[in-house]
Amino acid sequence: MQFTPVLVFHICVGAMGLLSGATAMSFRKGSRRHRVSGNIFVISLLGLGASGAYLGFIRHQTLNSLMGVLTFYLVATAWLTARHRDGEAGNFDLAALMVPLAIGAVLVTYGLRAATSQTASKDGSPAAAYFVFGFVALLFAAGDVHMLVRGGVSGPQRIARHLGRMSFALFIAAGSFLLGPSSRPLRLLASLGLRQQVFPAVLRPTVLLLLTVLPLILMFVWLFRVRFTNVYKRISVSSSSGVYSLRT
């Protein structure tokens, strides 16, 4: 595997994003440590999304390229949600809606083309992958429409929107970093002669898959706690920054 400057940057920000994302999830939501690690996560994932989109584009990997754009969009809108005050929505939110709508439309179109092709794939990706992530993109678009119609989201709904988008972006990053063909860390370790020291070969697929889906599991746990329990009895919004703070 040839390590270009963009690919090295992609791997570095991906590693930083995974570490900072895991750290942010472990801290109390709204605490200072959560915000600091969250800011590092945002910067890392924006870089990961942009570099991933570029790598996918130059390699004619449509799905990977669009997943990079979707990651960038999710992180940007999740960050903006945390900065907004309750019931606030702006022109950027309206413009951002165009991103998942376009991604969803393209992915569904490519999925149909892949499904009707002889190989049931397009640009190296199966039709099912296009349909699944196309549906996900349109689902996030529906969330944007719902927010804009209501004139913003407040309280637990705002927190759930922030957590859900950050967590799914972390899931995409984990999948790209741990399982993606262009940035798989084990290939980097192998090139350094360290692959066998990571963990036994028989456990690699299971461990990598578990680490990849872990952000999704944690996402559903947090969303359930925020929306359907009384864990957070008080939600206060900073009047100066608009960043939420949760207290039990």
C-alpha atoms as a PDB file:
ATOM      1  CA  MET A   1       0.000   0.000   0.000  1.00  0.00           C
ATOM      2  CA  GLN A   2       1.425   3.379  -1.012  1.00  0.00           C
ATOM      3  CA  PHE A   3       1.281   5.991   1.731  1.00  0.00           C
ATOM      4  CA  THR A   4       0.597   9.361   0.155  1.00  0.00           C
ATOM      5  CA  PRO A   5       0.543  12.535   2.317  1.00  0.00           C
ATOM      6  CA  VAL A   6      -3.263  12.643   2.148  1.00  0.00           C
ATOM      7  CA  LEU A   7      -3.536   9.003   3.221  1.00  0.00           C
ATOM      8  CA  VAL A   8      -1.121   9.517   6.121  1.00  0.00           C
ATOM      9  CA  PHE A   9      -3.161  12.570   7.183  1.00  0.00           C
ATOM     10  CA  HIS A  10      -6.348  10.495   6.848  1.00  0.00           C
ATOM     11  CA  ILE A  11      -4.939   7.771   9.109  1.00  0.00           C
ATOM     12  CA  CYS A  12      -3.613  10.233  11.691  1.00  0.00           C
ATOM     13  CA  VAL A  13      -6.840  12.233  12.047  1.00  0.00           C
ATOM     14  CA  GLY A  14      -8.797   8.981  12.036  1.00  0.00           C
ATOM     15  CA  ALA A  15      -6.803   7.647  14.986  1.00  0.00           C
ATOM     16  CA  MET A  16      -7.138  10.978  16.787  1.00  0.00           C
ATOM     17  CA  GLY A  17     -10.870  11.042  16.075  1.00  0.00           C
ATOM     18  CA  LEU A  18     -11.450   7.551  17.451  1.00  0.00           C
ATOM     19  CA  LEU A  19      -9.485   8.276  20.627  1.00  0.00           C
ATOM     20  CA  SER A  20     -11.079  11.676  21.253  1.00  0.00           C
ATOM     21  CA  GLY A  21     -14.538  10.325  20.417  1.00  0.00           C
ATOM     22  CA  ALA A  22     -14.188   7.480  22.902  1.00  0.00           C
ATOM     23  CA  THR A  23     -12.918   9.955  25.493  1.00  0.00           C
ATOM     24  CA  ALA A  24     -15.809  12.367  24.910  1.00  0.00           C
ATOM     25  CA  MET A  25     -18.314   9.547  25.323  1.00  0.00           C
ATOM     26  CA  SER A  26     -16.832   8.597  28.693  1.00  0.00           C
ATOM     27  CA  PHE A  27     -17.228  12.061  30.234  1.00  0.00           C
ATOM     28  CA  ARG A  28     -20.411  13.650  31.554  1.00  0.00           C
ATOM     29  CA  LYS A  29     -22.193  15.359  28.690  1.00  0.00           C
ATOM     30  CA  GLY A  30     -21.711  19.114  28.859  1.00  0.00           C
ATOM     31  CA  SER A  31     -18.742  18.963  31.249  1.00  0.00           C
ATOM     32  CA  ARG A  32     -15.523  20.829  30.475  1.00  0.00           C
ATOM     33  CA  ARG A  33     -13.634  17.617  29.706  1.00  0.00           C
ATOM     34  CA  HIS A  34     -16.421  16.509  27.385  1.00  0.00           C
ATOM     35  CA  ARG A  35     -16.246  19.815  25.503  1.00  0.00           C
ATOM     36  CA  VAL A  36     -12.457  19.743  25.178  1.00  0.00           C
ATOM     37  CA  SER A  37     -12.322  16.165  23.907  1.00  0.00           C
ATOM     38  CA  GLY A  38     -15.387  16.891  21.776  1.00  0.00           C
ATOM     39  CA  ASN A  39     -13.669  19.836  20.097  1.00  0.00           C
ATOM     40  CA  ILE A  40     -10.690  17.621  19.255  1.00  0.00           C
ATOM     41  CA  PHE A  41     -13.114  15.036  17.915  1.00  0.00           C
ATOM     42  CA  VAL A  42     -14.878  17.605  15.735  1.00  0.00           C
ATOM     43  CA  ILE A  43     -11.644  18.898  14.202  1.00  0.00           C
ATOM     44  CA  SER A  44     -10.359  15.341  13.636  1.00  0.00           C
ATOM     45  CA  LEU A  45     -13.576  14.092  12.051  1.00  0.00           C
ATOM     46  CA  LEU A  46     -13.884  17.113   9.787  1.00  0.00           C
ATOM     47  CA  GLY A  47     -10.378  16.353   8.548  1.00  0.00           C
ATOM     48  CA  LEU A  48     -11.190  12.665   8.253  1.00  0.00           C
ATOM     49  CA  GLY A  49     -14.361  13.334   6.291  1.00  0.00           C
ATOM     50  CA  ALA A  50     -12.699  15.786   3.918  1.00  0.00           C
ATOM     51  CA  SER A  51      -9.673  13.563   3.280  1.00  0.00           C
ATOM     52  CA  GLY A  52     -11.866  10.474   2.946  1.00  0.00           C
ATOM     53  CA  ALA A  53     -14.042  12.206   0.378  1.00  0.00           C
ATOM     54  CA  TYR A  54     -10.955  13.231  -1.577  1.00  0.00           C
ATOM     55  CA  LEU A  55      -9.388   9.757  -1.469  1.00  0.00           C
ATOM     56  CA  GLY A  56     -12.642   8.165  -2.572  1.00  0.00           C
ATOM     57  CA  PHE A  57     -13.003  10.651  -5.418  1.00  0.00           C
ATOM     58  CA  ILE A  58      -9.521  10.168  -6.880  1.00  0.00           C
ATOM     59  CA  ARG A  59      -9.856   6.376  -6.572  1.00  0.00           C
ATOM     60  CA  HIS A  60     -13.332   6.353  -8.157  1.00  0.00           C
ATOM     61  CA  GLN A  61     -14.869   4.891  -4.986  1.00  0.00           C
ATOM     62  CA  THR A  62     -18.211   6.666  -4.972  1.00  0.00           C
ATOM     63  CA  LEU A  63     -19.492   5.156  -1.742  1.00  0.00           C
ATOM     64  CA  ASN A  64     -16.337   6.025   0.206  1.00  0.00           C
ATOM     65  CA  SER A  65     -16.314   9.538  -1.190  1.00  0.00           C
ATOM     66  CA  LEU A  66     -19.925  10.201  -0.229  1.00  0.00           C
ATOM     67  CA  MET A  67     -19.405   8.666   3.210  1.00  0.00           C
ATOM     68  CA  GLY A  68     -16.646  11.219   3.726  1.00  0.00           C
ATOM     69  CA  VAL A  69     -19.027  14.027   2.818  1.00  0.00           C
ATOM     70  CA  LEU A  70     -21.735  12.554   5.059  1.00  0.00           C
ATOM     71  CA  THR A  71     -19.286  12.336   7.968  1.00  0.00           C
ATOM     72  CA  PHE A  72     -18.331  15.989   7.489  1.00  0.00           C
ATOM     73  CA  TYR A  73     -22.010  16.982   7.394  1.00  0.00           C
ATOM     74  CA  LEU A  74     -22.926  14.967  10.509  1.00  0.00           C
ATOM     75  CA  VAL A  75     -20.113  16.410  12.590  1.00  0.00           C
ATOM     76  CA  ALA A  76     -20.747  19.977  11.419  1.00  0.00           C
ATOM     77  CA  THR A  77     -24.495  19.842  12.135  1.00  0.00           C
ATOM     78  CA  ALA A  78     -23.982  18.030  15.453  1.00  0.00           C
ATOM     79  CA  TRP A  79     -21.526  20.714  16.556  1.00  0.00           C
ATOM     80  CA  LEU A  80     -23.905  23.446  15.439  1.00  0.00           C
ATOM     81  CA  THR A  81     -26.755  21.805  17.351  1.00  0.00           C
ATOM     82  CA  ALA A  82     -24.713  21.982  20.544  1.00  0.00           C
ATOM     83  CA  ARG A  83     -23.910  25.637  19.877  1.00  0.00           C
ATOM     84  CA  HIS A  84     -27.538  26.549  19.192  1.00  0.00           C
ATOM     85  CA  ARG A  85     -29.829  27.593  21.977  1.00  0.00           C
ATOM     86  CA  ASP A  86     -33.093  25.784  22.518  1.00  0.00           C
ATOM     87  CA  GLY A  87     -35.537  26.376  19.684  1.00  0.00           C
ATOM     88  CA  GLU A  88     -32.935  27.956  17.412  1.00  0.00           C
ATOM     89  CA  ALA A  89     -32.381  27.207  13.712  1.00  0.00           C
ATOM     90  CA  GLY A  90     -30.647  29.265  11.069  1.00  0.00           C
ATOM     91  CA  ASN A  91     -29.951  29.554   7.367  1.00  0.00           C
ATOM     92  CA  PHE A  92     -26.992  27.196   7.660  1.00  0.00           C
ATOM     93  CA  ASP A  93     -29.339  24.445   8.829  1.00  0.00           C
ATOM     94  CA  LEU A  94     -31.498  24.965   5.748  1.00  0.00           C
ATOM     95  CA  ALA A  95     -28.484  24.878   3.437  1.00  0.00           C
ATOM     96  CA  ALA A  96     -27.091  21.810   5.203  1.00  0.00           C
ATOM     97  CA  LEU A  97     -30.304  19.925   4.434  1.00  0.00           C
ATOM     98  CA  MET A  98     -29.266  19.788   0.785  1.00  0.00           C
ATOM     99  CA  VAL A  99     -26.247  17.604   1.650  1.00  0.00           C
ATOM    100  CA  PRO A 100     -28.027  14.454   2.925  1.00  0.00           C
ATOM    101  CA  LEU A 101     -30.752  14.871   0.309  1.00  0.00           C
ATOM    102  CA  ALA A 102     -28.157  14.875  -2.480  1.00  0.00           C
ATOM    103  CA  ILE A 103     -26.163  12.027  -0.928  1.00  0.00           C
ATOM    104  CA  GLY A 104     -29.285   9.933  -0.410  1.00  0.00           C
ATOM    105  CA  ALA A 105     -30.479  10.503  -3.978  1.00  0.00           C
ATOM    106  CA  VAL A 106     -27.086   9.608  -5.466  1.00  0.00           C
ATOM    107  CA  LEU A 107     -26.659   6.503  -3.314  1.00  0.00           C
ATOM    108  CA  VAL A 108     -30.140   5.183  -4.099  1.00  0.00           C
ATOM    109  CA  THR A 109     -29.549   5.807  -7.807  1.00  0.00           C
ATOM    110  CA  TYR A 110     -26.215   3.984  -7.674  1.00  0.00           C
ATOM    111  CA  GLY A 111     -27.864   1.202  -5.697  1.00  0.00           C
ATOM    112  CA  LEU A 112     -30.432   0.699  -8.434  1.00  0.00           C
ATOM    113  CA  ARG A 113     -27.698   0.630 -11.056  1.00  0.00           C
ATOM    114  CA  ALA A 114     -25.691  -1.840  -9.029  1.00  0.00           C
ATOM    115  CA  ALA A 115     -28.705  -4.065  -8.435  1.00  0.00           C
ATOM    116  CA  THR A 116     -29.429  -4.296 -12.161  1.00  0.00           C
ATOM    117  CA  SER A 117     -25.812  -4.917 -13.151  1.00  0.00           C
ATOM    118  CA  GLN A 118     -24.347  -8.356 -13.782  1.00  0.00           C
ATOM    119  CA  THR A 119     -22.072  -8.141 -10.751  1.00  0.00           C
ATOM    120  CA  ALA A 120     -24.704  -6.597  -8.423  1.00  0.00           C
ATOM    121  CA  SER A 121     -22.109  -3.959  -7.550  1.00  0.00           C
ATOM    122  CA  LYS A 122     -20.802  -0.609  -8.721  1.00  0.00           C
ATOM    123  CA  ASP A 123     -17.345   0.888  -8.196  1.00  0.00           C
ATOM    124  CA  GLY A 124     -16.477  -2.096  -6.042  1.00  0.00           C
ATOM    125  CA  SER A 125     -19.406  -1.694  -3.615  1.00  0.00           C
ATOM    126  CA  PRO A 126     -22.495  -3.945  -3.450  1.00  0.00           C
ATOM    127  CA  ALA A 127     -25.981  -2.636  -4.111  1.00  0.00           C
ATOM    128  CA  ALA A 128     -27.031  -3.249  -0.494  1.00  0.00           C
ATOM    129  CA  ALA A 129     -24.375  -0.841   0.806  1.00  0.00           C
ATOM    130  CA  TYR A 130     -25.672   1.940  -1.444  1.00  0.00           C
ATOM    131  CA  PHE A 131     -29.257   1.355  -0.341  1.00  0.00           C
ATOM    132  CA  VAL A 132     -28.439   1.142   3.382  1.00  0.00           C
ATOM    133  CA  PHE A 133     -26.353   4.306   3.553  1.00  0.00           C
ATOM    134  CA  GLY A 134     -28.687   6.072   1.139  1.00  0.00           C
ATOM    135  CA  PHE A 135     -31.548   5.358   3.524  1.00  0.00           C
ATOM    136  CA  VAL A 136     -29.449   6.582   6.448  1.00  0.00           C
ATOM    137  CA  ALA A 137     -28.652   9.840   4.648  1.00  0.00           C
ATOM    138  CA  LEU A 138     -32.333  10.412   3.863  1.00  0.00           C
ATOM    139  CA  LEU A 139     -33.200   9.629   7.482  1.00  0.00           C
ATOM    140  CA  PHE A 140     -30.895  12.397   8.659  1.00  0.00           C
ATOM    141  CA  ALA A 141     -32.431  14.671   6.012  1.00  0.00           C
ATOM    142  CA  ALA A 142     -35.868  13.915   7.481  1.00  0.00           C
ATOM    143  CA  GLY A 143     -34.510  14.911  10.885  1.00  0.00           C
ATOM    144  CA  ASP A 144     -33.398  18.236   9.438  1.00  0.00           C
ATOM    145  CA  VAL A 145     -36.813  18.839   7.883  1.00  0.00           C
ATOM    146  CA  HIS A 146     -38.500  18.042  11.186  1.00  0.00           C
ATOM    147  CA  MET A 147     -36.232  20.486  13.019  1.00  0.00           C
ATOM    148  CA  LEU A 148     -36.739  23.280  10.477  1.00  0.00           C
ATOM    149  CA  VAL A 149     -40.518  22.872  10.489  1.00  0.00           C
ATOM    150  CA  ARG A 150     -40.538  23.129  14.280  1.00  0.00           C
ATOM    151  CA  GLY A 151     -38.215  26.120  14.203  1.00  0.00           C
ATOM    152  CA  GLY A 152     -35.471  24.282  16.084  1.00  0.00           C
ATOM    153  CA  VAL A 153     -35.260  21.602  18.751  1.00  0.00           C
ATOM    154  CA  SER A 154     -35.172  21.992  22.510  1.00  0.00           C
ATOM    155  CA  GLY A 155     -34.217  20.070  25.627  1.00  0.00           C
ATOM    156  CA  PRO A 156     -33.702  16.320  25.287  1.00  0.00           C
ATOM    157  CA  GLN A 157     -34.480  16.417  21.555  1.00  0.00           C
ATOM    158  CA  ARG A 158     -31.616  18.825  20.938  1.00  0.00           C
ATOM    159  CA  ILE A 159     -29.242  16.689  22.977  1.00  0.00           C
ATOM    160  CA  ALA A 160     -30.409  13.531  21.205  1.00  0.00           C
ATOM    161  CA  ARG A 161     -29.805  15.179  17.815  1.00  0.00           C
ATOM    162  CA  HIS A 162     -26.288  16.147  18.857  1.00  0.00           C
ATOM    163  CA  LEU A 163     -25.403  12.754  20.340  1.00  0.00           C
ATOM    164  CA  GLY A 164     -26.957  10.752  17.509  1.00  0.00           C
ATOM    165  CA  ARG A 165     -25.073  12.595  14.774  1.00  0.00           C
ATOM    166  CA  MET A 166     -21.749  12.577  16.591  1.00  0.00           C
ATOM    167  CA  SER A 167     -22.091   8.883  17.384  1.00  0.00           C
ATOM    168  CA  PHE A 168     -22.991   7.889  13.828  1.00  0.00           C
ATOM    169  CA  ALA A 169     -20.083   9.925  12.506  1.00  0.00           C
ATOM    170  CA  LEU A 170     -17.854   8.013  14.920  1.00  0.00           C
ATOM    171  CA  PHE A 171     -19.327   4.765  13.605  1.00  0.00           C
ATOM    172  CA  ILE A 172     -18.489   5.739  10.020  1.00  0.00           C
ATOM    173  CA  ALA A 173     -14.979   6.738  11.106  1.00  0.00           C
ATOM    174  CA  ALA A 174     -14.481   3.442  12.940  1.00  0.00           C
ATOM    175  CA  GLY A 175     -15.661   1.461   9.918  1.00  0.00           C
ATOM    176  CA  SER A 176     -13.406   3.405   7.562  1.00  0.00           C
ATOM    177  CA  PHE A 177     -10.405   3.270   9.862  1.00  0.00           C
ATOM    178  CA  LEU A 178     -10.690  -0.341  11.016  1.00  0.00           C
ATOM    179  CA  LEU A 179     -12.300  -2.049   8.022  1.00  0.00           C
ATOM    180  CA  GLY A 180     -11.781   0.273   5.057  1.00  0.00           C
ATOM    181  CA  PRO A 181      -9.522  -0.943   2.267  1.00  0.00           C
ATOM    182  CA  SER A 182      -7.537   2.276   1.978  1.00  0.00           C
ATOM    183  CA  SER A 183      -6.798   3.117   5.589  1.00  0.00           C
ATOM    184  CA  ARG A 184      -6.873  -0.139   7.501  1.00  0.00           C
ATOM    185  CA  PRO A 185      -4.446   0.299  10.431  1.00  0.00           C
ATOM    186  CA  LEU A 186      -3.376  -3.339  10.400  1.00  0.00           C
ATOM    187  CA  ARG A 187      -1.899  -2.797   6.951  1.00  0.00           C
ATOM    188  CA  LEU A 188       0.120   0.071   8.329  1.00  0.00           C
ATOM    189  CA  LEU A 189       1.269  -2.096  11.221  1.00  0.00           C
ATOM    190  CA  ALA A 190       2.119  -4.883   8.815  1.00  0.00           C
ATOM    191  CA  SER A 191       4.290  -2.539   6.775  1.00  0.00           C
ATOM    192  CA  LEU A 192       6.140  -1.737  10.008  1.00  0.00           C
ATOM    193  CA  GLY A 193       6.536  -5.402  10.899  1.00  0.00           C
ATOM    194  CA  LEU A 194       4.237  -5.113  13.934  1.00  0.00           C
ATOM    195  CA  ARG A 195       1.110  -6.905  12.747  1.00  0.00           C
ATOM    196  CA  GLN A 196       1.597 -10.088  14.718  1.00  0.00           C
ATOM    197  CA  GLN A 197       1.994  -8.162  17.974  1.00  0.00           C
ATOM    198  CA  VAL A 198      -1.502  -6.626  17.819  1.00  0.00           C
ATOM    199  CA  PHE A 199      -3.663  -9.673  18.609  1.00  0.00           C
ATOM    200  CA  PRO A 200      -3.968 -13.256  17.336  1.00  0.00           C
ATOM    201  CA  ALA A 201      -5.014 -13.560  13.695  1.00  0.00           C
ATOM    202  CA  VAL A 202      -8.083 -15.658  14.560  1.00  0.00           C
ATOM    203  CA  LEU A 203      -9.455 -12.827  16.714  1.00  0.00           C
ATOM    204  CA  ARG A 204      -8.802  -9.930  14.348  1.00  0.00           C
ATOM    205  CA  PRO A 205     -12.091  -9.963  12.376  1.00  0.00           C
ATOM    206  CA  THR A 206     -14.198 -10.294  15.533  1.00  0.00           C
ATOM    207  CA  VAL A 207     -12.328  -7.621  17.473  1.00  0.00           C
ATOM    208  CA  LEU A 208     -12.343  -5.149  14.582  1.00  0.00           C
ATOM    209  CA  LEU A 209     -16.053  -5.699  13.933  1.00  0.00           C
ATOM    210  CA  LEU A 210     -16.862  -5.229  17.619  1.00  0.00           C
ATOM    211  CA  LEU A 211     -14.863  -2.001  17.794  1.00  0.00           C
ATOM    212  CA  THR A 212     -16.611  -0.786  14.642  1.00  0.00           C
ATOM    213  CA  VAL A 213     -20.183  -1.316  15.897  1.00  0.00           C
ATOM    214  CA  LEU A 214     -19.436  -0.173  19.459  1.00  0.00           C
ATOM    215  CA  PRO A 215     -20.223   3.505  18.658  1.00  0.00           C
ATOM    216  CA  LEU A 216     -23.651   2.431  17.356  1.00  0.00           C
ATOM    217  CA  ILE A 217     -24.346   0.459  20.538  1.00  0.00           C
ATOM    218  CA  LEU A 218     -23.334   3.396  22.712  1.00  0.00           C
ATOM    219  CA  MET A 219     -25.402   5.725  20.533  1.00  0.00           C
ATOM    220  CA  PHE A 220     -28.588   3.757  21.176  1.00  0.00           C
ATOM    221  CA  VAL A 221     -27.796   3.553  24.893  1.00  0.00           C
ATOM    222  CA  TRP A 222     -27.331   7.316  25.173  1.00  0.00           C
ATOM    223  CA  LEU A 223     -30.372   8.112  23.040  1.00  0.00           C
ATOM    224  CA  PHE A 224     -32.520   5.862  25.214  1.00  0.00           C
ATOM    225  CA  ARG A 225     -31.211   7.493  28.382  1.00  0.00           C
ATOM    226  CA  VAL A 226     -31.788  11.015  27.071  1.00  0.00           C
ATOM    227  CA  ARG A 227     -35.216  10.469  25.525  1.00  0.00           C
ATOM    228  CA  PHE A 228     -36.903   7.830  27.673  1.00  0.00           C
ATOM    229  CA  THR A 229     -35.482   8.018  31.206  1.00  0.00           C
ATOM    230  CA  ASN A 230     -35.207  10.573  33.978  1.00  0.00           C
ATOM    231  CA  VAL A 231     -31.439  10.361  34.160  1.00  0.00           C
ATOM    232  CA  TYR A 232     -31.187  14.043  33.216  1.00  0.00           C
ATOM    233  CA  LYS A 233     -33.483  15.960  35.511  1.00  0.00           C
ATOM    234  CA  ARG A 234     -32.139  19.350  34.662  1.00  0.00           C
ATOM    235  CA  ILE A 235     -30.968  20.713  31.359  1.00  0.00           C
ATOM    236  CA  SER A 236     -29.363  24.120  31.550  1.00  0.00           C
ATOM    237  CA  VAL A 237     -28.141  26.115  28.597  1.00  0.00           C
ATOM    238  CA  SER A 238     -25.197  28.471  28.901  1.00  0.00           C
ATOM    239  CA  SER A 239     -26.390  31.953  28.060  1.00  0.00           C
ATOM    240  CA  SER A 240     -22.955  32.914  26.749  1.00  0.00           C
ATOM    241  CA  SER A 241     -22.045  30.031  24.455  1.00  0.00           C
ATOM    242  CA  GLY A 242     -25.240  28.055  23.978  1.00  0.00           C
ATOM    243  CA  VAL A 243     -23.467  24.809  24.889  1.00  0.00           C
ATOM    244  CA  TYR A 244     -25.725  22.480  26.817  1.00  0.00           C
ATOM    245  CA  SER A 245     -24.894  21.201  30.268  1.00  0.00           C
ATOM    246  CA  LEU A 246     -26.502  18.120  31.763  1.00  0.00           C
ATOM    247  CA  ARG A 247     -26.886  17.488  35.463  1.00  0.00           C
ATOM    248  CA  THR A 248     -28.430  14.480  37.136  1.00  0.00           C
END
